[in-house]
Every structure is written in structure tokens, then in C-alpha cells.
Amino acid sequence: MIDFYTAGTPNGRKVAILLEEVALPYEVHRIDFSKNEQFRPEFLAVSPNNKIPAIVDRAGPGGKRLALFESGAILFYLSEKTGRFMPSDAAGRASVHQWLMWQMGGIGPMFGQLWHFTKAAPEKIAYAIDRYQKEVDRLLGVLERQLGKEPYLAGDYSIADMAVYPWVAGDWFGADPEKLPNFMRWKRMLAERPAVERGMKVP
């Protein structure tokens, strides 16, 4: 059993999708930011950085309890635990690793900043919106070119795709579908996966 601490954010949904794909039993513990539950001592014991997602594997290595935070680390761990969605060869693994790191260092932060300055900021700052929109557009271009060479980011469907998809599943970031046919094909393929559909609804 996996204890899964999460909220309705793209980072949380990455892990939810993988949990659904590998069919591991898990129990959802929703962290309510409006009540500052991320700062409660019991949650900080699992996630010292007071961020979601986090997990506790009640049957971790050696049968011992293992707590993990950071979405990328959790994806790596669950993929290795189940032997799924990670290639067995070194080159394939390296490819998945690089695209997962790309999501964590690029897609997540830049899409997050664009969302903040366009949707949440009390004041619309033109410079910030322009800066992050240009970077989001650049990253979409990287995604489009890669998906023109491979059906999925690292060749076969992997945790790299699961990490990127929740950030780009909507259309709020102003992408032009006609200029991104490979990206749109990839989005449709993921949206049609039952485990992805279920994972996107957690919590």
C-alpha cells in the first residue's frame, strides 16, 4: 500500500497517473493548501520541503517503510519498484532520464510562472507575461520537434510522458494546434489512456 499525499496540481497528477498505470494499491491523502496543511508536522515528516506530491511506501526496500518527496524521485522509484515504464537498456534509460529532467527544469517552472502571472497575480505585469509566454512557446517547439521523431518523448511511453502531460493537458497557455500537429497527436494518445484519465481526476 502506498500513502499518496497530493493536491489537484500537475505535479501531483504525474504520480497519480503512474500509480494508476502500474495498478499499485494506494490511499490518497489530500493536502489542503487553503488550510496550510502542508506545514503540519506530520506532513513535514514525509515531505521536508512542504510540497506535494509525497508518498510513503509501507513495504519499501527490505520491507521497511520508505517516505519520498519530489515528483521526479517518486516517478523513478515507482518505475523501478514495478519494473515498468523505464527501458532496461542504458541508452533507453538515459533518454527517459533526460526528458524527465527537462520537464522538471523547464516545463514545470516555466508553465507554472506563466500560469501565475496570467491567472493568479493581482497585477498583470506585461514584461513577466511576455517573458514566460516566449519560454513556454520555445518549450512547446522542443516538444513538437521531438515528437516528430518519436511517438513518445523517449521512444516508448514512459514516466517522461506522464510527467509532461499534466502540465500541457489544457489549452490555457495559448498553443496554436495547427503549428503543433505532433504535440496534438501525442496529447490525444495520452488522453485516451484509461489510466491517464483516472490519474488526472486524483484527488
N, C-alpha and C. Protein backbone atom coordinates (compact mmCIF):
# COMPACT_ATOMS: atom_id res chain seq x y z
N MET A 1 0.84 -1.20 0.00
CA MET A 1 0.00 0.00 0.00
C MET A 1 0.88 1.25 0.00
N ILE A 2 0.53 2.19 -0.88
CA ILE A 2 1.22 3.47 -0.95
C ILE A 2 0.32 4.55 -0.35
N ASP A 3 0.82 5.31 0.59
CA ASP A 3 0.14 6.51 1.06
C ASP A 3 0.57 7.65 0.15
N PHE A 4 -0.38 8.26 -0.52
CA PHE A 4 -0.12 9.27 -1.55
C PHE A 4 -0.66 10.61 -1.08
N TYR A 5 0.25 11.55 -0.82
CA TYR A 5 -0.09 12.89 -0.36
C TYR A 5 -0.07 13.82 -1.56
N THR A 6 -1.21 14.46 -1.85
CA THR A 6 -1.29 15.19 -3.10
C THR A 6 -2.34 16.29 -3.03
N ALA A 7 -2.44 17.02 -4.11
CA ALA A 7 -3.48 18.04 -4.31
C ALA A 7 -3.72 18.11 -5.81
N GLY A 8 -4.70 18.90 -6.22
CA GLY A 8 -5.07 18.94 -7.63
C GLY A 8 -4.15 19.82 -8.46
N THR A 9 -2.90 19.41 -8.58
CA THR A 9 -1.91 20.16 -9.35
C THR A 9 -1.24 19.23 -10.37
N PRO A 10 -0.59 19.79 -11.39
CA PRO A 10 0.12 18.94 -12.35
C PRO A 10 1.17 18.04 -11.71
N ASN A 11 1.91 18.54 -10.75
CA ASN A 11 2.94 17.70 -10.12
C ASN A 11 2.31 16.52 -9.39
N GLY A 12 1.19 16.74 -8.75
CA GLY A 12 0.52 15.63 -8.09
C GLY A 12 -0.03 14.63 -9.09
N ARG A 13 -0.54 15.13 -10.20
CA ARG A 13 -1.16 14.24 -11.18
C ARG A 13 -0.14 13.36 -11.91
N LYS A 14 1.10 13.80 -12.00
CA LYS A 14 2.14 12.94 -12.58
C LYS A 14 2.18 11.60 -11.87
N VAL A 15 2.25 11.67 -10.55
CA VAL A 15 2.37 10.46 -9.73
C VAL A 15 1.07 9.66 -9.76
N ALA A 16 -0.07 10.37 -9.75
CA ALA A 16 -1.35 9.67 -9.81
C ALA A 16 -1.46 8.85 -11.09
N ILE A 17 -1.00 9.40 -12.20
CA ILE A 17 -1.06 8.67 -13.47
C ILE A 17 -0.22 7.40 -13.38
N LEU A 18 0.99 7.51 -12.85
CA LEU A 18 1.84 6.31 -12.76
C LEU A 18 1.24 5.28 -11.81
N LEU A 19 0.70 5.72 -10.68
CA LEU A 19 0.06 4.78 -9.76
C LEU A 19 -1.09 4.04 -10.45
N GLU A 20 -1.83 4.75 -11.26
CA GLU A 20 -2.92 4.10 -11.99
C GLU A 20 -2.39 3.16 -13.07
N GLU A 21 -1.33 3.57 -13.74
CA GLU A 21 -0.77 2.74 -14.81
C GLU A 21 -0.22 1.41 -14.27
N VAL A 22 0.44 1.45 -13.12
CA VAL A 22 1.06 0.23 -12.58
C VAL A 22 0.11 -0.53 -11.65
N ALA A 23 -1.05 0.05 -11.38
CA ALA A 23 -2.09 -0.61 -10.56
C ALA A 23 -1.60 -0.98 -9.17
N LEU A 24 -0.76 -0.14 -8.58
CA LEU A 24 -0.38 -0.34 -7.19
C LEU A 24 -1.52 0.17 -6.30
N PRO A 25 -1.82 -0.55 -5.23
CA PRO A 25 -2.84 -0.03 -4.31
C PRO A 25 -2.32 1.21 -3.59
N TYR A 26 -3.17 2.23 -3.53
CA TYR A 26 -2.73 3.46 -2.86
C TYR A 26 -3.91 4.14 -2.18
N GLU A 27 -3.58 4.91 -1.17
CA GLU A 27 -4.58 5.67 -0.43
C GLU A 27 -4.24 7.15 -0.56
N VAL A 28 -5.21 7.94 -1.00
CA VAL A 28 -5.00 9.36 -1.23
C VAL A 28 -5.19 10.15 0.06
N HIS A 29 -4.23 11.01 0.35
CA HIS A 29 -4.32 11.96 1.47
C HIS A 29 -4.24 13.35 0.85
N ARG A 30 -5.37 14.01 0.76
CA ARG A 30 -5.39 15.33 0.13
C ARG A 30 -4.82 16.38 1.08
N ILE A 31 -3.91 17.18 0.57
CA ILE A 31 -3.32 18.27 1.33
C ILE A 31 -4.01 19.56 0.92
N ASP A 32 -4.67 20.19 1.85
CA ASP A 32 -5.45 21.40 1.58
C ASP A 32 -4.58 22.62 1.85
N PHE A 33 -4.15 23.28 0.78
CA PHE A 33 -3.28 24.45 0.92
C PHE A 33 -4.00 25.61 1.59
N SER A 34 -5.31 25.69 1.39
CA SER A 34 -6.06 26.80 1.98
C SER A 34 -6.08 26.72 3.51
N LYS A 35 -5.81 25.52 4.04
CA LYS A 35 -5.75 25.33 5.49
C LYS A 35 -4.31 25.17 5.98
N ASN A 36 -3.35 25.44 5.09
CA ASN A 36 -1.92 25.33 5.42
C ASN A 36 -1.53 23.94 5.93
N GLU A 37 -2.21 22.92 5.39
CA GLU A 37 -1.91 21.56 5.84
C GLU A 37 -0.51 21.12 5.44
N GLN A 38 0.08 21.81 4.45
CA GLN A 38 1.44 21.44 4.02
C GLN A 38 2.49 21.76 5.08
N PHE A 39 2.09 22.52 6.10
CA PHE A 39 3.04 22.88 7.16
C PHE A 39 2.83 22.06 8.44
N ARG A 40 1.90 21.15 8.40
CA ARG A 40 1.66 20.33 9.59
C ARG A 40 2.84 19.39 9.83
N PRO A 41 3.22 19.19 11.09
CA PRO A 41 4.39 18.35 11.39
C PRO A 41 4.32 16.95 10.80
N GLU A 42 3.13 16.36 10.79
CA GLU A 42 3.02 15.00 10.26
C GLU A 42 3.28 14.96 8.75
N PHE A 43 2.93 16.05 8.04
CA PHE A 43 3.24 16.08 6.61
C PHE A 43 4.71 16.42 6.38
N LEU A 44 5.26 17.31 7.18
CA LEU A 44 6.68 17.65 7.04
C LEU A 44 7.57 16.45 7.31
N ALA A 45 7.09 15.51 8.10
CA ALA A 45 7.87 14.29 8.35
C ALA A 45 8.01 13.45 7.08
N VAL A 46 7.07 13.61 6.17
CA VAL A 46 7.10 12.90 4.89
C VAL A 46 7.75 13.76 3.81
N SER A 47 7.41 15.04 3.79
CA SER A 47 7.89 15.97 2.77
C SER A 47 8.54 17.17 3.44
N PRO A 48 9.84 17.12 3.71
CA PRO A 48 10.51 18.21 4.43
C PRO A 48 10.43 19.56 3.71
N ASN A 49 10.21 19.54 2.40
CA ASN A 49 10.11 20.78 1.63
C ASN A 49 8.69 21.32 1.60
N ASN A 50 7.80 20.75 2.38
CA ASN A 50 6.38 21.12 2.49
C ASN A 50 5.68 21.30 1.13
N LYS A 51 6.03 20.42 0.19
CA LYS A 51 5.39 20.44 -1.12
C LYS A 51 4.79 19.07 -1.42
N ILE A 52 3.76 19.09 -2.28
CA ILE A 52 3.23 17.82 -2.79
C ILE A 52 3.83 17.61 -4.18
N PRO A 53 3.88 16.38 -4.66
CA PRO A 53 3.41 15.16 -4.03
C PRO A 53 4.46 14.57 -3.11
N ALA A 54 4.01 13.64 -2.30
CA ALA A 54 4.90 12.84 -1.46
C ALA A 54 4.23 11.48 -1.28
N ILE A 55 5.03 10.48 -1.01
CA ILE A 55 4.46 9.15 -0.77
C ILE A 55 5.13 8.51 0.43
N VAL A 56 4.44 7.54 0.98
CA VAL A 56 5.03 6.60 1.93
C VAL A 56 4.72 5.21 1.40
N ASP A 57 5.78 4.47 1.09
CA ASP A 57 5.61 3.07 0.69
C ASP A 57 5.71 2.24 1.96
N ARG A 58 4.60 1.65 2.35
CA ARG A 58 4.59 0.87 3.59
C ARG A 58 5.41 -0.41 3.48
N ALA A 59 5.68 -0.82 2.25
CA ALA A 59 6.52 -2.01 2.01
C ALA A 59 7.64 -1.61 1.07
N GLY A 60 8.53 -0.73 1.55
CA GLY A 60 9.65 -0.27 0.76
C GLY A 60 10.78 -1.29 0.71
N PRO A 61 11.96 -0.87 0.29
CA PRO A 61 13.10 -1.79 0.22
C PRO A 61 13.33 -2.51 1.54
N GLY A 62 13.52 -3.82 1.46
CA GLY A 62 13.71 -4.60 2.66
C GLY A 62 12.46 -4.75 3.50
N GLY A 63 11.30 -4.40 2.92
CA GLY A 63 10.06 -4.47 3.67
C GLY A 63 9.86 -3.34 4.65
N LYS A 64 10.72 -2.32 4.58
CA LYS A 64 10.65 -1.21 5.53
C LYS A 64 9.91 -0.02 4.93
N ARG A 65 9.33 0.76 5.79
CA ARG A 65 8.62 1.97 5.38
C ARG A 65 9.60 2.95 4.73
N LEU A 66 9.20 3.53 3.59
CA LEU A 66 10.03 4.50 2.89
C LEU A 66 9.19 5.71 2.53
N ALA A 67 9.63 6.89 2.97
CA ALA A 67 8.97 8.14 2.62
C ALA A 67 9.78 8.85 1.53
N LEU A 68 9.07 9.41 0.55
CA LEU A 68 9.73 10.11 -0.56
C LEU A 68 8.97 11.38 -0.90
N PHE A 69 9.71 12.44 -1.20
CA PHE A 69 9.10 13.64 -1.76
C PHE A 69 9.83 13.97 -3.06
N GLU A 70 9.33 14.95 -3.80
CA GLU A 70 9.78 15.35 -5.13
C GLU A 70 9.22 14.39 -6.19
N SER A 71 8.44 14.95 -7.09
CA SER A 71 7.71 14.13 -8.07
C SER A 71 8.64 13.28 -8.93
N GLY A 72 9.76 13.85 -9.38
CA GLY A 72 10.68 13.08 -10.22
C GLY A 72 11.25 11.88 -9.49
N ALA A 73 11.64 12.08 -8.24
CA ALA A 73 12.18 10.98 -7.44
C ALA A 73 11.13 9.89 -7.23
N ILE A 74 9.88 10.30 -7.03
CA ILE A 74 8.80 9.33 -6.83
C ILE A 74 8.56 8.54 -8.11
N LEU A 75 8.56 9.23 -9.25
CA LEU A 75 8.38 8.52 -10.52
C LEU A 75 9.49 7.50 -10.75
N PHE A 76 10.73 7.90 -10.51
CA PHE A 76 11.86 6.96 -10.64
C PHE A 76 11.64 5.75 -9.74
N TYR A 77 11.32 6.01 -8.50
CA TYR A 77 11.21 4.94 -7.51
C TYR A 77 10.10 3.95 -7.88
N LEU A 78 8.93 4.46 -8.19
CA LEU A 78 7.81 3.57 -8.50
C LEU A 78 8.03 2.81 -9.81
N SER A 79 8.69 3.47 -10.76
CA SER A 79 9.01 2.79 -12.01
C SER A 79 9.97 1.63 -11.77
N GLU A 80 10.99 1.87 -10.95
CA GLU A 80 11.96 0.81 -10.64
C GLU A 80 11.33 -0.27 -9.77
N LYS A 81 10.46 0.12 -8.86
CA LYS A 81 9.83 -0.84 -7.97
C LYS A 81 8.98 -1.84 -8.76
N THR A 82 8.30 -1.34 -9.80
CA THR A 82 7.40 -2.19 -10.56
C THR A 82 8.02 -2.72 -11.84
N GLY A 83 9.18 -2.18 -12.23
CA GLY A 83 9.82 -2.62 -13.47
C GLY A 83 9.05 -2.19 -14.71
N ARG A 84 8.35 -1.07 -14.63
CA ARG A 84 7.53 -0.63 -15.77
C ARG A 84 7.81 0.82 -16.14
N PHE A 85 7.64 1.11 -17.42
CA PHE A 85 7.74 2.46 -17.96
C PHE A 85 9.13 3.06 -17.85
N MET A 86 10.13 2.18 -17.80
CA MET A 86 11.54 2.58 -17.84
C MET A 86 12.29 1.52 -18.64
N PRO A 87 12.98 1.88 -19.72
CA PRO A 87 13.71 0.89 -20.51
C PRO A 87 14.74 0.15 -19.68
N SER A 88 15.05 -1.07 -20.10
CA SER A 88 16.05 -1.87 -19.38
C SER A 88 17.47 -1.57 -19.86
N ASP A 89 17.62 -1.03 -21.08
CA ASP A 89 18.96 -0.74 -21.60
C ASP A 89 19.42 0.65 -21.16
N ALA A 90 20.73 0.82 -21.07
CA ALA A 90 21.31 2.06 -20.54
C ALA A 90 20.95 3.27 -21.39
N ALA A 91 20.99 3.12 -22.71
CA ALA A 91 20.68 4.26 -23.58
C ALA A 91 19.22 4.67 -23.44
N GLY A 92 18.33 3.69 -23.37
CA GLY A 92 16.92 3.99 -23.20
C GLY A 92 16.63 4.67 -21.88
N ARG A 93 17.27 4.18 -20.83
CA ARG A 93 17.09 4.78 -19.51
C ARG A 93 17.59 6.23 -19.50
N ALA A 94 18.75 6.45 -20.14
CA ALA A 94 19.31 7.80 -20.18
C ALA A 94 18.37 8.75 -20.92
N SER A 95 17.72 8.26 -21.97
CA SER A 95 16.79 9.10 -22.71
C SER A 95 15.59 9.49 -21.85
N VAL A 96 15.04 8.51 -21.13
CA VAL A 96 13.92 8.82 -20.22
C VAL A 96 14.37 9.82 -19.15
N HIS A 97 15.55 9.60 -18.60
CA HIS A 97 16.06 10.49 -17.56
C HIS A 97 16.16 11.93 -18.07
N GLN A 98 16.71 12.10 -19.29
CA GLN A 98 16.92 13.47 -19.76
C GLN A 98 15.60 14.20 -20.01
N TRP A 99 14.60 13.48 -20.53
CA TRP A 99 13.32 14.14 -20.78
C TRP A 99 12.55 14.39 -19.50
N LEU A 100 12.73 13.54 -18.51
CA LEU A 100 12.12 13.82 -17.22
C LEU A 100 12.78 15.04 -16.57
N MET A 101 14.11 15.13 -16.66
CA MET A 101 14.80 16.31 -16.11
C MET A 101 14.39 17.57 -16.87
N TRP A 102 14.17 17.43 -18.17
CA TRP A 102 13.73 18.57 -18.98
C TRP A 102 12.38 19.07 -18.49
N GLN A 103 11.49 18.16 -18.18
CA GLN A 103 10.20 18.59 -17.64
C GLN A 103 10.37 19.31 -16.31
N MET A 104 11.16 18.74 -15.44
CA MET A 104 11.31 19.30 -14.10
C MET A 104 12.02 20.65 -14.12
N GLY A 105 12.97 20.82 -15.06
CA GLY A 105 13.73 22.08 -15.11
C GLY A 105 13.13 23.11 -16.04
N GLY A 106 12.23 22.69 -16.95
CA GLY A 106 11.71 23.62 -17.94
C GLY A 106 10.19 23.73 -17.94
N ILE A 107 9.53 22.66 -18.36
CA ILE A 107 8.07 22.70 -18.48
C ILE A 107 7.39 23.11 -17.18
N GLY A 108 7.75 22.46 -16.08
CA GLY A 108 7.10 22.76 -14.81
C GLY A 108 7.29 24.21 -14.36
N PRO A 109 8.53 24.66 -14.21
CA PRO A 109 8.74 26.03 -13.74
C PRO A 109 8.19 27.11 -14.68
N MET A 110 8.41 26.94 -15.99
CA MET A 110 8.00 27.99 -16.92
C MET A 110 6.49 28.04 -17.10
N PHE A 111 5.85 26.88 -17.24
CA PHE A 111 4.39 26.88 -17.34
C PHE A 111 3.78 27.37 -16.02
N GLY A 112 4.40 27.00 -14.91
CA GLY A 112 3.91 27.46 -13.62
C GLY A 112 3.98 28.97 -13.48
N GLN A 113 5.08 29.57 -13.93
CA GLN A 113 5.21 31.02 -13.85
C GLN A 113 4.23 31.72 -14.78
N LEU A 114 4.05 31.16 -15.99
CA LEU A 114 3.10 31.77 -16.92
C LEU A 114 1.69 31.72 -16.33
N TRP A 115 1.33 30.56 -15.76
CA TRP A 115 0.00 30.46 -15.16
C TRP A 115 -0.16 31.49 -14.04
N HIS A 116 0.86 31.63 -13.21
CA HIS A 116 0.77 32.58 -12.09
C HIS A 116 0.55 34.00 -12.59
N PHE A 117 1.37 34.43 -13.56
CA PHE A 117 1.29 35.83 -13.98
C PHE A 117 0.08 36.13 -14.86
N THR A 118 -0.50 35.10 -15.49
CA THR A 118 -1.69 35.34 -16.32
C THR A 118 -2.99 35.07 -15.57
N LYS A 119 -2.96 34.18 -14.57
CA LYS A 119 -4.19 33.76 -13.91
C LYS A 119 -4.31 34.17 -12.45
N ALA A 120 -3.20 34.23 -11.73
CA ALA A 120 -3.28 34.40 -10.28
C ALA A 120 -2.74 35.73 -9.76
N ALA A 121 -1.82 36.34 -10.48
CA ALA A 121 -1.18 37.56 -9.97
C ALA A 121 -2.21 38.68 -9.81
N PRO A 122 -2.15 39.42 -8.73
CA PRO A 122 -3.11 40.51 -8.53
C PRO A 122 -2.94 41.65 -9.52
N GLU A 123 -1.74 41.72 -10.12
CA GLU A 123 -1.46 42.77 -11.10
C GLU A 123 -0.89 42.11 -12.35
N LYS A 124 -1.40 42.50 -13.51
CA LYS A 124 -0.89 41.96 -14.78
C LYS A 124 0.39 42.72 -15.15
N ILE A 125 1.51 42.00 -15.14
CA ILE A 125 2.81 42.60 -15.44
C ILE A 125 3.20 42.16 -16.85
N ALA A 126 3.16 43.08 -17.78
CA ALA A 126 3.36 42.75 -19.19
C ALA A 126 4.71 42.10 -19.44
N TYR A 127 5.76 42.61 -18.81
CA TYR A 127 7.10 42.05 -19.02
C TYR A 127 7.14 40.59 -18.60
N ALA A 128 6.59 40.27 -17.44
CA ALA A 128 6.61 38.89 -16.93
C ALA A 128 5.80 37.97 -17.84
N ILE A 129 4.62 38.41 -18.24
CA ILE A 129 3.78 37.59 -19.11
C ILE A 129 4.48 37.31 -20.43
N ASP A 130 5.07 38.35 -21.01
CA ASP A 130 5.78 38.19 -22.29
C ASP A 130 6.97 37.26 -22.14
N ARG A 131 7.72 37.43 -21.07
CA ARG A 131 8.91 36.59 -20.83
C ARG A 131 8.53 35.11 -20.75
N TYR A 132 7.54 34.79 -19.92
CA TYR A 132 7.20 33.39 -19.72
C TYR A 132 6.41 32.81 -20.89
N GLN A 133 5.64 33.64 -21.59
CA GLN A 133 4.95 33.14 -22.78
C GLN A 133 5.96 32.74 -23.85
N LYS A 134 6.99 33.54 -24.03
CA LYS A 134 8.01 33.21 -25.03
C LYS A 134 8.73 31.92 -24.66
N GLU A 135 9.01 31.72 -23.38
CA GLU A 135 9.70 30.50 -22.97
C GLU A 135 8.78 29.28 -23.10
N VAL A 136 7.52 29.44 -22.77
CA VAL A 136 6.56 28.35 -22.97
C VAL A 136 6.46 27.98 -24.44
N ASP A 137 6.40 28.99 -25.31
CA ASP A 137 6.34 28.72 -26.75
C ASP A 137 7.60 28.00 -27.22
N ARG A 138 8.75 28.39 -26.69
CA ARG A 138 10.00 27.72 -27.07
C ARG A 138 9.99 26.26 -26.64
N LEU A 139 9.54 26.00 -25.43
CA LEU A 139 9.48 24.63 -24.92
C LEU A 139 8.50 23.78 -25.72
N LEU A 140 7.39 24.37 -26.12
CA LEU A 140 6.45 23.65 -26.97
C LEU A 140 7.09 23.30 -28.31
N GLY A 141 7.95 24.17 -28.80
CA GLY A 141 8.68 23.89 -30.03
C GLY A 141 9.62 22.71 -29.87
N VAL A 142 10.29 22.64 -28.72
CA VAL A 142 11.16 21.50 -28.43
C VAL A 142 10.33 20.21 -28.41
N LEU A 143 9.21 20.27 -27.75
CA LEU A 143 8.32 19.12 -27.66
C LEU A 143 7.82 18.69 -29.04
N GLU A 144 7.43 19.66 -29.84
CA GLU A 144 6.92 19.36 -31.18
C GLU A 144 7.99 18.68 -32.04
N ARG A 145 9.22 19.17 -31.98
CA ARG A 145 10.29 18.57 -32.79
C ARG A 145 10.61 17.16 -32.34
N GLN A 146 10.66 16.95 -31.02
CA GLN A 146 10.96 15.61 -30.52
C GLN A 146 9.86 14.62 -30.89
N LEU A 147 8.62 15.06 -30.80
CA LEU A 147 7.50 14.17 -31.11
C LEU A 147 7.31 13.98 -32.61
N GLY A 148 8.04 14.75 -33.39
CA GLY A 148 8.08 14.50 -34.82
C GLY A 148 9.04 13.38 -35.16
N LYS A 149 9.93 13.05 -34.21
CA LYS A 149 10.91 11.98 -34.42
C LYS A 149 10.53 10.68 -33.72
N GLU A 150 9.77 10.80 -32.64
CA GLU A 150 9.40 9.64 -31.83
C GLU A 150 7.91 9.73 -31.49
N PRO A 151 7.24 8.58 -31.32
CA PRO A 151 5.83 8.65 -30.94
C PRO A 151 5.62 9.20 -29.53
N TYR A 152 6.58 8.92 -28.65
CA TYR A 152 6.57 9.44 -27.29
C TYR A 152 7.92 10.11 -27.03
N LEU A 153 8.05 10.80 -25.93
CA LEU A 153 9.24 11.61 -25.70
C LEU A 153 10.55 10.83 -25.79
N ALA A 154 10.57 9.64 -25.20
CA ALA A 154 11.81 8.85 -25.19
C ALA A 154 11.66 7.59 -26.03
N GLY A 155 10.82 7.63 -27.05
CA GLY A 155 10.60 6.48 -27.90
C GLY A 155 9.33 5.76 -27.52
N ASP A 156 9.39 4.95 -26.48
CA ASP A 156 8.21 4.27 -25.94
C ASP A 156 7.58 5.12 -24.82
N TYR A 157 6.32 4.86 -24.56
CA TYR A 157 5.61 5.53 -23.46
C TYR A 157 6.35 5.28 -22.15
N SER A 158 6.58 6.34 -21.40
CA SER A 158 7.39 6.23 -20.18
C SER A 158 6.97 7.27 -19.15
N ILE A 159 7.66 7.26 -18.03
CA ILE A 159 7.39 8.24 -16.98
C ILE A 159 7.68 9.67 -17.46
N ALA A 160 8.48 9.84 -18.49
CA ALA A 160 8.72 11.19 -19.02
C ALA A 160 7.43 11.77 -19.59
N ASP A 161 6.68 10.95 -20.32
CA ASP A 161 5.40 11.42 -20.87
C ASP A 161 4.41 11.72 -19.74
N MET A 162 4.39 10.86 -18.73
CA MET A 162 3.48 11.08 -17.60
C MET A 162 3.81 12.37 -16.87
N ALA A 163 5.08 12.73 -16.84
CA ALA A 163 5.49 13.95 -16.15
C ALA A 163 5.09 15.21 -16.91
N VAL A 164 5.18 15.16 -18.23
CA VAL A 164 4.87 16.36 -19.03
C VAL A 164 3.38 16.56 -19.20
N TYR A 165 2.65 15.48 -19.42
CA TYR A 165 1.25 15.60 -19.84
C TYR A 165 0.38 16.48 -18.92
N PRO A 166 0.40 16.32 -17.61
CA PRO A 166 -0.49 17.15 -16.78
C PRO A 166 -0.27 18.64 -16.93
N TRP A 167 0.95 19.05 -17.29
CA TRP A 167 1.25 20.47 -17.46
C TRP A 167 0.68 21.02 -18.76
N VAL A 168 0.50 20.17 -19.75
CA VAL A 168 0.11 20.66 -21.07
C VAL A 168 -1.26 20.14 -21.50
N ALA A 169 -1.98 19.46 -20.60
CA ALA A 169 -3.23 18.83 -20.98
C ALA A 169 -4.30 19.83 -21.39
N GLY A 170 -4.29 21.00 -20.81
CA GLY A 170 -5.29 22.01 -21.15
C GLY A 170 -4.87 22.83 -22.37
N ASP A 171 -5.51 23.98 -22.56
CA ASP A 171 -5.14 24.85 -23.67
C ASP A 171 -5.03 26.31 -23.24
N TRP A 172 -4.88 26.52 -21.93
CA TRP A 172 -4.84 27.87 -21.39
C TRP A 172 -3.59 28.64 -21.80
N PHE A 173 -2.54 27.94 -22.23
CA PHE A 173 -1.25 28.59 -22.50
C PHE A 173 -1.13 29.10 -23.93
N GLY A 174 -2.19 29.03 -24.70
CA GLY A 174 -2.23 29.70 -25.99
C GLY A 174 -1.51 29.02 -27.13
N ALA A 175 -1.40 27.69 -27.10
CA ALA A 175 -0.74 26.98 -28.19
C ALA A 175 -1.61 26.99 -29.44
N ASP A 176 -0.97 27.08 -30.60
CA ASP A 176 -1.67 27.03 -31.88
C ASP A 176 -1.65 25.59 -32.37
N PRO A 177 -2.79 24.88 -32.34
CA PRO A 177 -2.82 23.47 -32.73
C PRO A 177 -2.29 23.22 -34.13
N GLU A 178 -2.54 24.14 -35.04
CA GLU A 178 -2.10 23.95 -36.43
C GLU A 178 -0.59 23.95 -36.56
N LYS A 179 0.10 24.61 -35.65
CA LYS A 179 1.56 24.66 -35.70
C LYS A 179 2.21 23.54 -34.89
N LEU A 180 1.38 22.75 -34.19
CA LEU A 180 1.91 21.72 -33.30
C LEU A 180 1.21 20.38 -33.53
N PRO A 181 1.22 19.86 -34.76
CA PRO A 181 0.48 18.63 -35.04
C PRO A 181 1.01 17.41 -34.29
N ASN A 182 2.31 17.30 -34.11
CA ASN A 182 2.87 16.16 -33.39
C ASN A 182 2.51 16.22 -31.91
N PHE A 183 2.57 17.40 -31.36
CA PHE A 183 2.18 17.62 -29.97
C PHE A 183 0.71 17.27 -29.75
N MET A 184 -0.14 17.70 -30.67
CA MET A 184 -1.57 17.42 -30.53
C MET A 184 -1.85 15.92 -30.66
N ARG A 185 -1.16 15.23 -31.56
CA ARG A 185 -1.31 13.78 -31.69
C ARG A 185 -0.94 13.09 -30.39
N TRP A 186 0.19 13.49 -29.82
CA TRP A 186 0.68 12.91 -28.56
C TRP A 186 -0.32 13.16 -27.43
N LYS A 187 -0.85 14.37 -27.36
CA LYS A 187 -1.84 14.68 -26.32
C LYS A 187 -3.07 13.79 -26.45
N ARG A 188 -3.52 13.59 -27.66
CA ARG A 188 -4.70 12.73 -27.85
C ARG A 188 -4.42 11.30 -27.43
N MET A 189 -3.23 10.80 -27.76
CA MET A 189 -2.90 9.42 -27.39
C MET A 189 -2.89 9.26 -25.88
N LEU A 190 -2.33 10.22 -25.17
CA LEU A 190 -2.30 10.10 -23.71
C LEU A 190 -3.68 10.27 -23.11
N ALA A 191 -4.46 11.20 -23.63
CA ALA A 191 -5.80 11.44 -23.10
C ALA A 191 -6.69 10.22 -23.23
N GLU A 192 -6.40 9.38 -24.23
CA GLU A 192 -7.21 8.18 -24.47
C GLU A 192 -6.82 7.00 -23.60
N ARG A 193 -5.73 7.11 -22.86
CA ARG A 193 -5.33 6.02 -21.97
C ARG A 193 -6.21 6.05 -20.71
N PRO A 194 -6.88 4.95 -20.38
CA PRO A 194 -7.75 4.94 -19.20
C PRO A 194 -7.03 5.32 -17.91
N ALA A 195 -5.78 4.87 -17.74
CA ALA A 195 -5.05 5.19 -16.50
C ALA A 195 -4.75 6.68 -16.41
N VAL A 196 -4.47 7.30 -17.56
CA VAL A 196 -4.23 8.75 -17.57
C VAL A 196 -5.51 9.49 -17.21
N GLU A 197 -6.60 9.07 -17.78
CA GLU A 197 -7.89 9.71 -17.47
C GLU A 197 -8.19 9.60 -15.98
N ARG A 198 -7.97 8.42 -15.41
CA ARG A 198 -8.22 8.24 -13.97
C ARG A 198 -7.26 9.09 -13.13
N GLY A 199 -5.99 9.06 -13.50
CA GLY A 199 -4.99 9.79 -12.73
C GLY A 199 -5.21 11.29 -12.72
N MET A 200 -5.72 11.82 -13.82
CA MET A 200 -5.98 13.27 -13.90
C MET A 200 -7.12 13.70 -12.99
N LYS A 201 -7.89 12.76 -12.49
CA LYS A 201 -9.01 13.10 -11.60
C LYS A 201 -8.65 12.95 -10.12
N VAL A 202 -7.39 12.61 -9.82
CA VAL A 202 -6.96 12.42 -8.42
C VAL A 202 -6.26 13.68 -7.95
N PRO A 203 -6.61 14.25 -6.79
CA PRO A 203 -7.74 13.85 -5.93
C PRO A 203 -9.04 14.41 -6.46
